[in-house]
Amino acid sequence: MFRELDYQETPLGELILRERSSPSLGGATVCEVLLDGEYLMSSHVTASETALATLGIAAARVTDGPVLVGGLGLGITAATALDVDDRIEVTVVDALPAVIDWHRRGLIPMGRRLVDDPRCTIHEGDFFAWFDAPPAIRFRSILVDIDHSPASLLDAAHARFYEPASLDALRTHLLPGGSFALWSADEPTPGFLDRVTGFATVDVHPIDFDNPHSGPDRNWVVVAVAG
């Protein structure tokens, strides 16, 4: 039932890219990612990744400037950001070279779309480390889809990003009126939202969608706008 497209051992665990025929989709081919034995994403479950880009960019009170995406995955968030208008430039940062290689080799459903788009730059590295130094450029929007949620992390080292000091540092990388949007598989806790200080507005958007593999589902997108 499964065809393994790639297998890599990473610092976060075993990373697998596979495709399978889905009976719930009439036999359509589904591309899936698993990390350390845990299901991460599917090419047919993309509503919340799309919403991360559309809600995040729409909330910005500035209409020019580049977009920064933390987490590449199957490329849905970055591709949606590029589709907002033909002037947007997108930088994507991902810590796993294997994921970047999937795009370069065209192994994922959208093939080499991001790699071949001159408006998109993909960097291998620690996304969270971008905010340890003063900003070289400022962004219209920063979109983050890395951990399951602020309370459920892929790596314990990510915890510092969700603290007030790091979120304040992120805010300095935004243009005035720029937006920060965060994807979460679980409803963000009041404790986390209380740490998103210094922004003019903070909104939580539930994203309801039909998961063809399991039925009705919900994720969340937190959107904060800098003053």
N, C-alpha and C. Protein backbone atom coordinates (compact mmCIF):
# COMPACT_ATOMS: atom_id res chain seq x y z
N MET A 1 0.81 -1.21 0.00
CA MET A 1 0.00 0.00 0.00
C MET A 1 0.85 1.27 0.00
N PHE A 2 2.11 1.17 0.45
CA PHE A 2 2.96 2.34 0.56
C PHE A 2 4.18 2.20 -0.34
N ARG A 3 4.63 3.34 -0.87
CA ARG A 3 5.89 3.37 -1.58
C ARG A 3 6.76 4.43 -0.93
N GLU A 4 7.90 4.00 -0.40
CA GLU A 4 8.80 4.92 0.28
C GLU A 4 9.61 5.70 -0.76
N LEU A 5 9.47 7.03 -0.73
CA LEU A 5 10.19 7.89 -1.66
C LEU A 5 11.54 8.31 -1.13
N ASP A 6 11.63 8.43 0.20
CA ASP A 6 12.91 8.83 0.79
C ASP A 6 12.90 8.47 2.27
N TYR A 7 14.08 8.10 2.76
CA TYR A 7 14.27 7.80 4.18
C TYR A 7 15.57 8.44 4.61
N GLN A 8 15.52 9.20 5.72
CA GLN A 8 16.72 9.85 6.24
C GLN A 8 16.72 9.77 7.76
N GLU A 9 17.89 9.55 8.34
CA GLU A 9 18.04 9.70 9.78
C GLU A 9 18.46 11.14 10.06
N THR A 10 17.70 11.81 10.93
CA THR A 10 17.93 13.22 11.22
C THR A 10 18.09 13.41 12.73
N PRO A 11 18.54 14.59 13.16
CA PRO A 11 18.64 14.85 14.61
C PRO A 11 17.30 14.76 15.33
N LEU A 12 16.21 14.88 14.57
CA LEU A 12 14.87 14.81 15.18
C LEU A 12 14.29 13.40 15.11
N GLY A 13 15.00 12.46 14.48
CA GLY A 13 14.49 11.10 14.34
C GLY A 13 14.42 10.67 12.89
N GLU A 14 13.84 9.51 12.65
CA GLU A 14 13.72 8.96 11.30
C GLU A 14 12.70 9.77 10.49
N LEU A 15 13.12 10.25 9.34
CA LEU A 15 12.26 11.05 8.48
C LEU A 15 11.92 10.25 7.23
N ILE A 16 10.62 10.10 6.96
CA ILE A 16 10.16 9.29 5.84
C ILE A 16 9.21 10.09 4.97
N LEU A 17 9.46 10.08 3.68
CA LEU A 17 8.53 10.60 2.69
C LEU A 17 7.98 9.40 1.93
N ARG A 18 6.67 9.27 1.90
CA ARG A 18 6.07 8.11 1.25
C ARG A 18 4.83 8.53 0.48
N GLU A 19 4.40 7.68 -0.43
CA GLU A 19 3.13 7.89 -1.11
C GLU A 19 2.32 6.60 -1.04
N ARG A 20 1.01 6.76 -1.07
CA ARG A 20 0.13 5.60 -1.01
C ARG A 20 -1.16 5.91 -1.74
N SER A 21 -1.88 4.87 -2.06
CA SER A 21 -3.21 5.00 -2.64
C SER A 21 -4.22 5.06 -1.51
N SER A 22 -5.07 6.09 -1.51
CA SER A 22 -6.01 6.30 -0.42
C SER A 22 -7.42 5.85 -0.80
N PRO A 23 -7.96 4.80 -0.16
CA PRO A 23 -9.33 4.38 -0.45
C PRO A 23 -10.36 5.47 -0.17
N SER A 24 -10.10 6.30 0.86
CA SER A 24 -11.04 7.37 1.20
C SER A 24 -11.08 8.47 0.16
N LEU A 25 -10.11 8.48 -0.75
CA LEU A 25 -10.07 9.46 -1.84
C LEU A 25 -10.24 8.77 -3.19
N GLY A 26 -10.89 7.63 -3.18
CA GLY A 26 -11.16 6.93 -4.43
C GLY A 26 -9.92 6.38 -5.10
N GLY A 27 -8.92 6.07 -4.29
CA GLY A 27 -7.69 5.51 -4.84
C GLY A 27 -6.67 6.55 -5.27
N ALA A 28 -6.92 7.82 -4.98
CA ALA A 28 -5.97 8.88 -5.35
C ALA A 28 -4.66 8.70 -4.58
N THR A 29 -3.58 9.14 -5.20
CA THR A 29 -2.27 9.03 -4.57
C THR A 29 -2.07 10.16 -3.56
N VAL A 30 -1.66 9.80 -2.35
CA VAL A 30 -1.42 10.74 -1.27
C VAL A 30 0.06 10.70 -0.90
N CYS A 31 0.64 11.86 -0.72
CA CYS A 31 2.03 11.98 -0.28
C CYS A 31 2.02 12.34 1.21
N GLU A 32 2.79 11.60 2.01
CA GLU A 32 2.78 11.78 3.45
C GLU A 32 4.20 11.89 4.00
N VAL A 33 4.32 12.59 5.14
CA VAL A 33 5.59 12.74 5.83
C VAL A 33 5.43 12.20 7.25
N LEU A 34 6.38 11.37 7.67
CA LEU A 34 6.43 10.86 9.03
C LEU A 34 7.78 11.21 9.64
N LEU A 35 7.76 11.57 10.93
CA LEU A 35 8.99 11.90 11.64
C LEU A 35 9.03 11.10 12.93
N ASP A 36 10.06 10.28 13.06
CA ASP A 36 10.26 9.46 14.25
C ASP A 36 9.02 8.62 14.56
N GLY A 37 8.43 8.07 13.48
CA GLY A 37 7.27 7.21 13.61
C GLY A 37 5.94 7.93 13.79
N GLU A 38 5.97 9.27 13.78
CA GLU A 38 4.77 10.06 13.99
C GLU A 38 4.34 10.73 12.69
N TYR A 39 3.06 10.64 12.39
CA TYR A 39 2.51 11.26 11.18
C TYR A 39 2.59 12.77 11.30
N LEU A 40 3.13 13.43 10.26
CA LEU A 40 3.27 14.89 10.30
C LEU A 40 2.34 15.60 9.34
N MET A 41 2.29 15.16 8.09
CA MET A 41 1.51 15.93 7.11
C MET A 41 1.15 15.08 5.92
N SER A 42 0.11 15.56 5.20
CA SER A 42 -0.40 14.88 4.02
C SER A 42 -0.64 15.90 2.92
N SER A 43 -0.42 15.48 1.69
CA SER A 43 -0.65 16.38 0.56
C SER A 43 -2.13 16.67 0.35
N HIS A 44 -3.03 15.91 0.99
CA HIS A 44 -4.46 16.13 0.85
C HIS A 44 -5.08 16.75 2.10
N VAL A 45 -4.26 17.18 3.05
CA VAL A 45 -4.76 17.87 4.24
C VAL A 45 -3.96 19.16 4.35
N THR A 46 -4.44 20.20 3.68
CA THR A 46 -3.64 21.43 3.53
C THR A 46 -4.39 22.70 3.92
N ALA A 47 -5.61 22.57 4.42
CA ALA A 47 -6.42 23.77 4.69
C ALA A 47 -5.77 24.71 5.68
N SER A 48 -5.19 24.16 6.74
CA SER A 48 -4.62 25.05 7.77
C SER A 48 -3.30 25.65 7.33
N GLU A 49 -2.50 24.92 6.53
CA GLU A 49 -1.27 25.50 5.99
C GLU A 49 -1.57 26.65 5.04
N THR A 50 -2.63 26.48 4.24
CA THR A 50 -3.06 27.56 3.35
C THR A 50 -3.56 28.75 4.16
N ALA A 51 -4.35 28.47 5.21
CA ALA A 51 -4.89 29.55 6.04
C ALA A 51 -3.78 30.30 6.76
N LEU A 52 -2.73 29.61 7.15
CA LEU A 52 -1.59 30.28 7.80
C LEU A 52 -1.07 31.41 6.93
N ALA A 53 -0.92 31.16 5.64
CA ALA A 53 -0.40 32.19 4.73
C ALA A 53 -1.44 33.26 4.43
N THR A 54 -2.66 32.85 4.11
CA THR A 54 -3.67 33.83 3.71
C THR A 54 -4.06 34.74 4.87
N LEU A 55 -4.29 34.16 6.05
CA LEU A 55 -4.66 34.98 7.21
C LEU A 55 -3.49 35.84 7.68
N GLY A 56 -2.31 35.25 7.69
CA GLY A 56 -1.14 35.99 8.16
C GLY A 56 -0.83 37.19 7.29
N ILE A 57 -0.79 37.00 5.99
CA ILE A 57 -0.44 38.10 5.09
C ILE A 57 -1.57 39.13 5.03
N ALA A 58 -2.82 38.66 5.04
CA ALA A 58 -3.95 39.60 4.97
C ALA A 58 -4.01 40.51 6.19
N ALA A 59 -3.54 40.03 7.33
CA ALA A 59 -3.60 40.84 8.56
C ALA A 59 -2.59 41.97 8.58
N ALA A 60 -1.53 41.84 7.81
CA ALA A 60 -0.48 42.88 7.81
C ALA A 60 -1.05 44.21 7.35
N ARG A 61 -0.63 45.27 8.00
CA ARG A 61 -1.09 46.61 7.63
C ARG A 61 -0.13 47.28 6.66
N VAL A 62 0.81 46.50 6.17
CA VAL A 62 1.75 46.98 5.16
C VAL A 62 1.61 46.05 3.96
N THR A 63 1.63 46.60 2.76
CA THR A 63 1.37 45.79 1.56
C THR A 63 2.62 45.51 0.75
N ASP A 64 3.77 45.99 1.20
CA ASP A 64 5.03 45.71 0.53
C ASP A 64 5.96 45.01 1.52
N GLY A 65 7.02 44.43 0.96
CA GLY A 65 8.02 43.78 1.80
C GLY A 65 7.98 42.28 1.66
N PRO A 66 9.10 41.61 1.98
CA PRO A 66 9.20 40.16 1.82
C PRO A 66 8.47 39.41 2.92
N VAL A 67 8.30 38.12 2.69
CA VAL A 67 7.65 37.22 3.64
C VAL A 67 8.67 36.16 4.06
N LEU A 68 8.72 35.86 5.35
CA LEU A 68 9.60 34.82 5.89
C LEU A 68 8.75 33.66 6.36
N VAL A 69 9.10 32.44 5.94
CA VAL A 69 8.36 31.24 6.33
C VAL A 69 9.30 30.33 7.10
N GLY A 70 8.91 29.96 8.31
CA GLY A 70 9.66 28.99 9.10
C GLY A 70 9.04 27.62 8.95
N GLY A 71 9.74 26.69 8.30
CA GLY A 71 9.23 25.35 8.05
C GLY A 71 8.81 25.18 6.61
N LEU A 72 9.46 24.26 5.90
CA LEU A 72 9.18 24.06 4.48
C LEU A 72 8.12 23.00 4.24
N GLY A 73 8.29 21.82 4.85
CA GLY A 73 7.33 20.74 4.66
C GLY A 73 7.11 20.43 3.20
N LEU A 74 5.85 20.27 2.82
CA LEU A 74 5.49 20.01 1.42
C LEU A 74 5.34 21.29 0.61
N GLY A 75 5.60 22.44 1.24
CA GLY A 75 5.66 23.70 0.51
C GLY A 75 4.35 24.44 0.38
N ILE A 76 3.30 24.00 1.06
CA ILE A 76 1.97 24.60 0.86
C ILE A 76 1.94 26.05 1.33
N THR A 77 2.47 26.33 2.52
CA THR A 77 2.42 27.71 3.04
C THR A 77 3.22 28.66 2.16
N ALA A 78 4.41 28.26 1.76
CA ALA A 78 5.24 29.13 0.91
C ALA A 78 4.59 29.36 -0.44
N ALA A 79 4.03 28.31 -1.04
CA ALA A 79 3.38 28.46 -2.34
C ALA A 79 2.16 29.36 -2.26
N THR A 80 1.40 29.24 -1.17
CA THR A 80 0.23 30.11 -0.98
C THR A 80 0.66 31.56 -0.83
N ALA A 81 1.75 31.79 -0.10
CA ALA A 81 2.26 33.16 0.04
C ALA A 81 2.67 33.74 -1.30
N LEU A 82 3.32 32.96 -2.14
CA LEU A 82 3.72 33.44 -3.46
C LEU A 82 2.51 33.78 -4.33
N ASP A 83 1.41 33.10 -4.09
CA ASP A 83 0.20 33.32 -4.90
C ASP A 83 -0.57 34.58 -4.50
N VAL A 84 -0.21 35.20 -3.36
CA VAL A 84 -0.94 36.40 -2.92
C VAL A 84 -0.85 37.49 -3.97
N ASP A 85 0.35 37.75 -4.46
CA ASP A 85 0.50 38.63 -5.63
C ASP A 85 1.86 38.35 -6.25
N ASP A 86 2.04 38.83 -7.47
CA ASP A 86 3.26 38.46 -8.21
C ASP A 86 4.47 39.30 -7.81
N ARG A 87 4.33 40.17 -6.81
CA ARG A 87 5.46 40.98 -6.34
C ARG A 87 6.09 40.41 -5.08
N ILE A 88 5.42 39.49 -4.43
CA ILE A 88 5.91 38.99 -3.14
C ILE A 88 7.16 38.14 -3.33
N GLU A 89 8.13 38.38 -2.47
CA GLU A 89 9.32 37.53 -2.40
C GLU A 89 9.27 36.77 -1.07
N VAL A 90 9.56 35.48 -1.14
CA VAL A 90 9.42 34.59 0.02
C VAL A 90 10.76 33.94 0.33
N THR A 91 11.15 33.99 1.61
CA THR A 91 12.31 33.25 2.10
C THR A 91 11.81 32.16 3.02
N VAL A 92 12.24 30.92 2.77
CA VAL A 92 11.84 29.77 3.59
C VAL A 92 13.08 29.24 4.30
N VAL A 93 12.93 28.94 5.59
CA VAL A 93 14.04 28.38 6.38
C VAL A 93 13.61 27.04 6.95
N ASP A 94 14.42 26.01 6.70
CA ASP A 94 14.14 24.69 7.25
C ASP A 94 15.44 24.07 7.74
N ALA A 95 15.36 23.38 8.87
CA ALA A 95 16.56 22.82 9.49
C ALA A 95 16.99 21.49 8.89
N LEU A 96 16.09 20.84 8.13
CA LEU A 96 16.38 19.50 7.64
C LEU A 96 16.75 19.53 6.15
N PRO A 97 18.00 19.24 5.83
CA PRO A 97 18.41 19.25 4.42
C PRO A 97 17.65 18.25 3.57
N ALA A 98 17.20 17.16 4.19
CA ALA A 98 16.44 16.16 3.43
C ALA A 98 15.14 16.75 2.87
N VAL A 99 14.48 17.59 3.65
CA VAL A 99 13.22 18.20 3.20
C VAL A 99 13.49 19.14 2.02
N ILE A 100 14.53 19.92 2.11
CA ILE A 100 14.89 20.81 1.01
C ILE A 100 15.22 19.98 -0.23
N ASP A 101 15.90 18.87 -0.03
CA ASP A 101 16.28 18.00 -1.15
C ASP A 101 15.06 17.42 -1.85
N TRP A 102 13.98 17.14 -1.10
CA TRP A 102 12.75 16.65 -1.75
C TRP A 102 12.27 17.64 -2.80
N HIS A 103 12.35 18.90 -2.47
CA HIS A 103 11.89 19.93 -3.41
C HIS A 103 12.85 20.04 -4.59
N ARG A 104 14.12 19.99 -4.33
CA ARG A 104 15.09 20.09 -5.42
C ARG A 104 14.98 18.91 -6.38
N ARG A 105 14.64 17.74 -5.84
CA ARG A 105 14.51 16.53 -6.67
C ARG A 105 13.11 16.36 -7.25
N GLY A 106 12.18 17.23 -6.84
CA GLY A 106 10.81 17.14 -7.35
C GLY A 106 10.06 15.93 -6.84
N LEU A 107 10.35 15.47 -5.63
CA LEU A 107 9.71 14.28 -5.09
C LEU A 107 8.33 14.55 -4.52
N ILE A 108 8.04 15.81 -4.20
CA ILE A 108 6.76 16.14 -3.57
C ILE A 108 5.75 16.53 -4.66
N PRO A 109 4.43 16.57 -4.34
CA PRO A 109 3.41 16.76 -5.37
C PRO A 109 3.58 18.02 -6.21
N MET A 110 4.04 19.12 -5.62
CA MET A 110 4.19 20.33 -6.42
C MET A 110 5.51 20.36 -7.20
N GLY A 111 6.27 19.26 -7.11
CA GLY A 111 7.50 19.18 -7.88
C GLY A 111 8.52 20.22 -7.44
N ARG A 112 9.08 20.93 -8.42
CA ARG A 112 10.12 21.92 -8.15
C ARG A 112 9.58 23.35 -8.16
N ARG A 113 8.32 23.50 -7.87
CA ARG A 113 7.72 24.83 -8.03
C ARG A 113 8.45 25.90 -7.23
N LEU A 114 8.72 25.64 -5.96
CA LEU A 114 9.38 26.65 -5.14
C LEU A 114 10.83 26.84 -5.55
N VAL A 115 11.51 25.75 -5.87
CA VAL A 115 12.91 25.82 -6.28
C VAL A 115 13.07 26.63 -7.56
N ASP A 116 12.14 26.48 -8.47
CA ASP A 116 12.25 27.13 -9.77
C ASP A 116 11.68 28.55 -9.81
N ASP A 117 11.02 28.97 -8.75
CA ASP A 117 10.44 30.32 -8.72
C ASP A 117 11.52 31.30 -8.26
N PRO A 118 11.91 32.28 -9.08
CA PRO A 118 12.97 33.22 -8.69
C PRO A 118 12.59 34.10 -7.51
N ARG A 119 11.30 34.15 -7.16
CA ARG A 119 10.87 34.96 -6.02
C ARG A 119 11.00 34.21 -4.70
N CYS A 120 11.40 32.93 -4.75
CA CYS A 120 11.48 32.10 -3.55
C CYS A 120 12.92 31.68 -3.29
N THR A 121 13.38 31.89 -2.06
CA THR A 121 14.71 31.46 -1.63
C THR A 121 14.55 30.49 -0.46
N ILE A 122 15.22 29.35 -0.55
CA ILE A 122 15.14 28.35 0.51
C ILE A 122 16.50 28.24 1.19
N HIS A 123 16.49 28.41 2.52
CA HIS A 123 17.71 28.34 3.31
C HIS A 123 17.67 27.12 4.22
N GLU A 124 18.78 26.42 4.33
CA GLU A 124 18.94 25.37 5.33
C GLU A 124 19.51 26.00 6.59
N GLY A 125 18.83 25.80 7.72
CA GLY A 125 19.35 26.36 8.96
C GLY A 125 18.31 26.39 10.05
N ASP A 126 18.70 26.90 11.19
CA ASP A 126 17.83 27.01 12.36
C ASP A 126 17.00 28.28 12.24
N PHE A 127 15.72 28.12 11.97
CA PHE A 127 14.84 29.28 11.84
C PHE A 127 14.87 30.14 13.09
N PHE A 128 14.85 29.52 14.25
CA PHE A 128 14.76 30.27 15.50
C PHE A 128 16.01 31.12 15.74
N ALA A 129 17.14 30.72 15.19
CA ALA A 129 18.37 31.48 15.36
C ALA A 129 18.35 32.80 14.59
N TRP A 130 17.42 32.95 13.65
CA TRP A 130 17.32 34.20 12.89
C TRP A 130 17.06 35.40 13.79
N PHE A 131 16.49 35.14 14.95
CA PHE A 131 16.07 36.25 15.81
C PHE A 131 17.05 36.51 16.94
N ASP A 132 18.22 35.86 16.87
CA ASP A 132 19.26 36.09 17.87
C ASP A 132 20.12 37.31 17.55
N ALA A 133 20.01 37.80 16.33
CA ALA A 133 20.81 38.95 15.89
C ALA A 133 19.88 40.07 15.43
N PRO A 134 20.35 41.31 15.42
CA PRO A 134 19.53 42.41 14.90
C PRO A 134 19.13 42.13 13.45
N PRO A 135 17.96 42.58 13.05
CA PRO A 135 17.48 42.26 11.71
C PRO A 135 18.30 42.93 10.61
N ALA A 136 18.66 42.13 9.61
CA ALA A 136 19.30 42.68 8.41
C ALA A 136 18.26 43.27 7.48
N ILE A 137 17.09 42.63 7.42
CA ILE A 137 15.94 43.15 6.69
C ILE A 137 14.71 42.93 7.54
N ARG A 138 13.66 43.67 7.21
CA ARG A 138 12.40 43.51 7.95
C ARG A 138 11.34 42.96 7.00
N PHE A 139 10.42 42.20 7.58
CA PHE A 139 9.47 41.45 6.79
C PHE A 139 8.05 41.99 6.91
N ARG A 140 7.32 41.83 5.85
CA ARG A 140 5.88 42.13 5.83
C ARG A 140 5.13 41.13 6.72
N SER A 141 5.51 39.85 6.62
CA SER A 141 4.88 38.79 7.42
C SER A 141 5.92 37.72 7.74
N ILE A 142 5.80 37.15 8.93
CA ILE A 142 6.58 35.99 9.33
C ILE A 142 5.59 34.88 9.67
N LEU A 143 5.68 33.77 8.95
CA LEU A 143 4.75 32.65 9.08
C LEU A 143 5.50 31.44 9.60
N VAL A 144 5.00 30.83 10.67
CA VAL A 144 5.73 29.75 11.33
C VAL A 144 4.89 28.48 11.41
N ASP A 145 5.41 27.40 10.84
CA ASP A 145 4.77 26.08 10.90
C ASP A 145 5.89 25.05 11.11
N ILE A 146 6.30 24.90 12.36
CA ILE A 146 7.41 24.00 12.68
C ILE A 146 6.98 22.96 13.72
N ASP A 147 6.59 23.42 14.90
CA ASP A 147 6.18 22.51 15.97
C ASP A 147 4.70 22.17 15.86
N HIS A 148 4.29 21.12 16.58
CA HIS A 148 2.86 20.77 16.61
C HIS A 148 2.05 21.90 17.23
N SER A 149 2.62 22.52 18.25
CA SER A 149 1.99 23.65 18.95
C SER A 149 3.03 24.24 19.87
N PRO A 150 2.77 25.40 20.48
CA PRO A 150 3.74 25.96 21.43
C PRO A 150 3.98 25.06 22.64
N ALA A 151 3.08 24.11 22.88
CA ALA A 151 3.25 23.20 24.02
C ALA A 151 3.67 21.80 23.61
N SER A 152 3.71 21.53 22.31
CA SER A 152 4.09 20.21 21.79
C SER A 152 5.15 20.41 20.73
N LEU A 153 6.41 20.24 21.12
CA LEU A 153 7.55 20.63 20.30
C LEU A 153 8.19 19.44 19.61
N LEU A 154 8.71 19.67 18.41
CA LEU A 154 9.50 18.64 17.74
C LEU A 154 10.86 18.47 18.40
N ASP A 155 11.34 19.52 19.04
CA ASP A 155 12.65 19.50 19.70
C ASP A 155 12.55 20.41 20.93
N ALA A 156 12.98 19.92 22.07
CA ALA A 156 12.89 20.71 23.30
C ALA A 156 13.63 22.04 23.20
N ALA A 157 14.65 22.10 22.31
CA ALA A 157 15.41 23.34 22.15
C ALA A 157 14.56 24.46 21.56
N HIS A 158 13.42 24.13 20.96
CA HIS A 158 12.56 25.16 20.38
C HIS A 158 11.80 25.96 21.44
N ALA A 159 11.78 25.47 22.67
CA ALA A 159 10.94 26.08 23.70
C ALA A 159 11.22 27.56 23.90
N ARG A 160 12.47 27.96 23.76
CA ARG A 160 12.83 29.36 24.02
C ARG A 160 12.14 30.32 23.06
N PHE A 161 11.78 29.82 21.84
CA PHE A 161 11.14 30.70 20.86
C PHE A 161 9.79 31.19 21.36
N TYR A 162 9.11 30.40 22.17
CA TYR A 162 7.75 30.73 22.58
C TYR A 162 7.71 31.53 23.88
N GLU A 163 8.86 32.03 24.29
CA GLU A 163 8.94 32.88 25.47
C GLU A 163 8.89 34.36 25.05
N PRO A 164 8.50 35.25 25.97
CA PRO A 164 8.33 36.67 25.62
C PRO A 164 9.56 37.30 24.98
N ALA A 165 10.76 36.99 25.45
CA ALA A 165 11.95 37.65 24.92
C ALA A 165 12.15 37.31 23.45
N SER A 166 11.94 36.05 23.08
CA SER A 166 12.13 35.66 21.68
C SER A 166 11.02 36.22 20.80
N LEU A 167 9.80 36.23 21.30
CA LEU A 167 8.69 36.79 20.52
C LEU A 167 8.87 38.29 20.33
N ASP A 168 9.43 38.96 21.34
CA ASP A 168 9.75 40.38 21.18
C ASP A 168 10.85 40.58 20.14
N ALA A 169 11.85 39.68 20.14
CA ALA A 169 12.91 39.77 19.15
C ALA A 169 12.36 39.55 17.75
N LEU A 170 11.44 38.61 17.61
CA LEU A 170 10.80 38.38 16.31
C LEU A 170 10.10 39.65 15.84
N ARG A 171 9.42 40.33 16.74
CA ARG A 171 8.67 41.53 16.37
C ARG A 171 9.58 42.60 15.76
N THR A 172 10.83 42.66 16.20
CA THR A 172 11.75 43.66 15.65
C THR A 172 12.14 43.34 14.21
N HIS A 173 11.87 42.12 13.76
CA HIS A 173 12.17 41.74 12.38
C HIS A 173 11.00 42.02 11.44
N LEU A 174 9.91 42.58 11.99
CA LEU A 174 8.76 42.95 11.17
C LEU A 174 8.78 44.43 10.83
N LEU A 175 8.29 44.74 9.66
CA LEU A 175 8.03 46.13 9.31
C LEU A 175 6.94 46.68 10.22
N PRO A 176 6.85 48.00 10.44
CA PRO A 176 5.72 48.54 11.19
C PRO A 176 4.40 48.11 10.54
N GLY A 177 3.53 47.52 11.34
CA GLY A 177 2.29 47.00 10.80
C GLY A 177 2.41 45.60 10.22
N GLY A 178 3.59 45.01 10.32
CA GLY A 178 3.78 43.65 9.82
C GLY A 178 3.11 42.62 10.72
N SER A 179 2.98 41.40 10.23
CA SER A 179 2.24 40.38 10.94
C SER A 179 3.08 39.14 11.23
N PHE A 180 2.75 38.48 12.32
CA PHE A 180 3.34 37.21 12.72
C PHE A 180 2.21 36.21 12.82
N ALA A 181 2.32 35.07 12.12
CA ALA A 181 1.27 34.06 12.17
C ALA A 181 1.89 32.71 12.51
N LEU A 182 1.21 31.97 13.38
CA LEU A 182 1.72 30.70 13.90
C LEU A 182 0.66 29.62 13.74
N TRP A 183 1.05 28.49 13.13
CA TRP A 183 0.17 27.33 13.01
C TRP A 183 0.25 26.49 14.27
N SER A 184 -0.88 25.92 14.69
CA SER A 184 -0.89 25.05 15.85
C SER A 184 -1.92 23.94 15.64
N ALA A 185 -1.51 22.72 15.93
CA ALA A 185 -2.44 21.59 15.84
C ALA A 185 -3.41 21.59 17.02
N ASP A 186 -3.03 22.22 18.12
CA ASP A 186 -3.87 22.29 19.32
C ASP A 186 -4.24 23.75 19.59
N GLU A 187 -5.35 23.93 20.28
CA GLU A 187 -5.76 25.29 20.62
C GLU A 187 -4.70 25.95 21.51
N PRO A 188 -4.20 27.11 21.11
CA PRO A 188 -3.18 27.78 21.93
C PRO A 188 -3.70 28.09 23.33
N THR A 189 -2.88 27.87 24.31
CA THR A 189 -3.30 28.07 25.69
C THR A 189 -3.27 29.56 26.05
N PRO A 190 -4.09 29.97 27.03
CA PRO A 190 -4.01 31.36 27.49
C PRO A 190 -2.60 31.73 27.96
N GLY A 191 -1.88 30.75 28.53
CA GLY A 191 -0.53 31.03 28.97
C GLY A 191 0.37 31.46 27.84
N PHE A 192 0.27 30.80 26.69
CA PHE A 192 1.07 31.20 25.54
C PHE A 192 0.62 32.55 25.01
N LEU A 193 -0.68 32.74 24.86
CA LEU A 193 -1.19 34.00 24.31
C LEU A 193 -0.80 35.19 25.19
N ASP A 194 -0.71 34.97 26.50
CA ASP A 194 -0.29 36.03 27.40
C ASP A 194 1.17 36.42 27.17
N ARG A 195 1.95 35.52 26.55
CA ARG A 195 3.35 35.81 26.29
C ARG A 195 3.55 36.56 24.97
N VAL A 196 2.50 36.63 24.15
CA VAL A 196 2.61 37.36 22.87
C VAL A 196 2.34 38.83 23.17
N THR A 197 3.29 39.46 23.79
CA THR A 197 3.13 40.85 24.20
C THR A 197 3.82 41.77 23.20
N GLY A 198 3.48 43.03 23.26
CA GLY A 198 4.14 44.01 22.41
C GLY A 198 3.53 44.16 21.03
N PHE A 199 2.55 43.32 20.68
CA PHE A 199 1.87 43.45 19.40
C PHE A 199 0.59 44.28 19.58
N ALA A 200 0.19 44.95 18.52
CA ALA A 200 -1.01 45.79 18.58
C ALA A 200 -2.26 44.95 18.74
N THR A 201 -2.31 43.80 18.03
CA THR A 201 -3.46 42.90 18.11
C THR A 201 -2.97 41.46 18.08
N VAL A 202 -3.73 40.59 18.74
CA VAL A 202 -3.49 39.15 18.71
C VAL A 202 -4.83 38.45 18.55
N ASP A 203 -4.97 37.66 17.49
CA ASP A 203 -6.22 36.95 17.21
C ASP A 203 -5.95 35.47 17.02
N VAL A 204 -6.90 34.65 17.43
CA VAL A 204 -6.82 33.20 17.26
C VAL A 204 -7.93 32.75 16.32
N HIS A 205 -7.54 32.07 15.25
CA HIS A 205 -8.49 31.63 14.24
C HIS A 205 -8.58 30.11 14.24
N PRO A 206 -9.75 29.52 14.61
CA PRO A 206 -9.91 28.08 14.44
C PRO A 206 -10.11 27.78 12.96
N ILE A 207 -9.44 26.75 12.46
CA ILE A 207 -9.53 26.35 11.06
C ILE A 207 -10.19 24.98 11.01
N ASP A 208 -11.46 24.95 10.65
CA ASP A 208 -12.19 23.70 10.54
C ASP A 208 -12.12 23.17 9.11
N PHE A 209 -11.91 21.88 8.97
CA PHE A 209 -11.79 21.29 7.64
C PHE A 209 -12.13 19.81 7.72
N ASP A 210 -12.40 19.24 6.58
CA ASP A 210 -12.68 17.82 6.49
C ASP A 210 -11.40 17.09 6.15
N ASN A 211 -10.94 16.28 7.08
CA ASN A 211 -9.77 15.46 6.82
C ASN A 211 -10.23 14.19 6.12
N PRO A 212 -9.85 13.98 4.85
CA PRO A 212 -10.37 12.82 4.11
C PRO A 212 -9.93 11.49 4.72
N HIS A 213 -8.93 11.51 5.59
CA HIS A 213 -8.44 10.28 6.19
C HIS A 213 -9.11 9.97 7.52
N SER A 214 -9.69 11.00 8.18
CA SER A 214 -10.22 10.77 9.53
C SER A 214 -11.51 11.51 9.84
N GLY A 215 -11.99 12.36 8.96
CA GLY A 215 -13.24 13.08 9.21
C GLY A 215 -13.01 14.52 9.63
N PRO A 216 -14.02 15.17 10.24
CA PRO A 216 -13.91 16.59 10.64
C PRO A 216 -12.71 16.82 11.56
N ASP A 217 -12.02 17.92 11.32
CA ASP A 217 -10.80 18.20 12.08
C ASP A 217 -10.70 19.70 12.30
N ARG A 218 -9.80 20.08 13.20
CA ARG A 218 -9.60 21.51 13.48
C ARG A 218 -8.15 21.76 13.85
N ASN A 219 -7.58 22.82 13.29
CA ASN A 219 -6.30 23.37 13.70
C ASN A 219 -6.53 24.84 14.06
N TRP A 220 -5.46 25.51 14.45
CA TRP A 220 -5.57 26.92 14.81
C TRP A 220 -4.45 27.73 14.19
N VAL A 221 -4.74 29.00 13.91
CA VAL A 221 -3.73 29.95 13.45
C VAL A 221 -3.79 31.17 14.35
N VAL A 222 -2.67 31.49 14.98
CA VAL A 222 -2.55 32.71 15.79
C VAL A 222 -1.96 33.79 14.91
N VAL A 223 -2.59 34.96 14.87
CA VAL A 223 -2.11 36.07 14.06
C VAL A 223 -1.92 37.30 14.95
N ALA A 224 -0.69 37.82 14.99
CA ALA A 224 -0.38 39.01 15.76
C ALA A 224 0.16 40.09 14.83
N VAL A 225 -0.26 41.32 15.04
CA VAL A 225 0.14 42.44 14.18
C VAL A 225 0.95 43.44 14.99
N ALA A 226 2.11 43.80 14.45
CA ALA A 226 2.98 44.76 15.13
C ALA A 226 2.42 46.17 14.98
N GLY A 227 2.64 46.98 15.99
CA GLY A 227 2.17 48.36 15.93
C GLY A 227 3.04 49.23 15.04
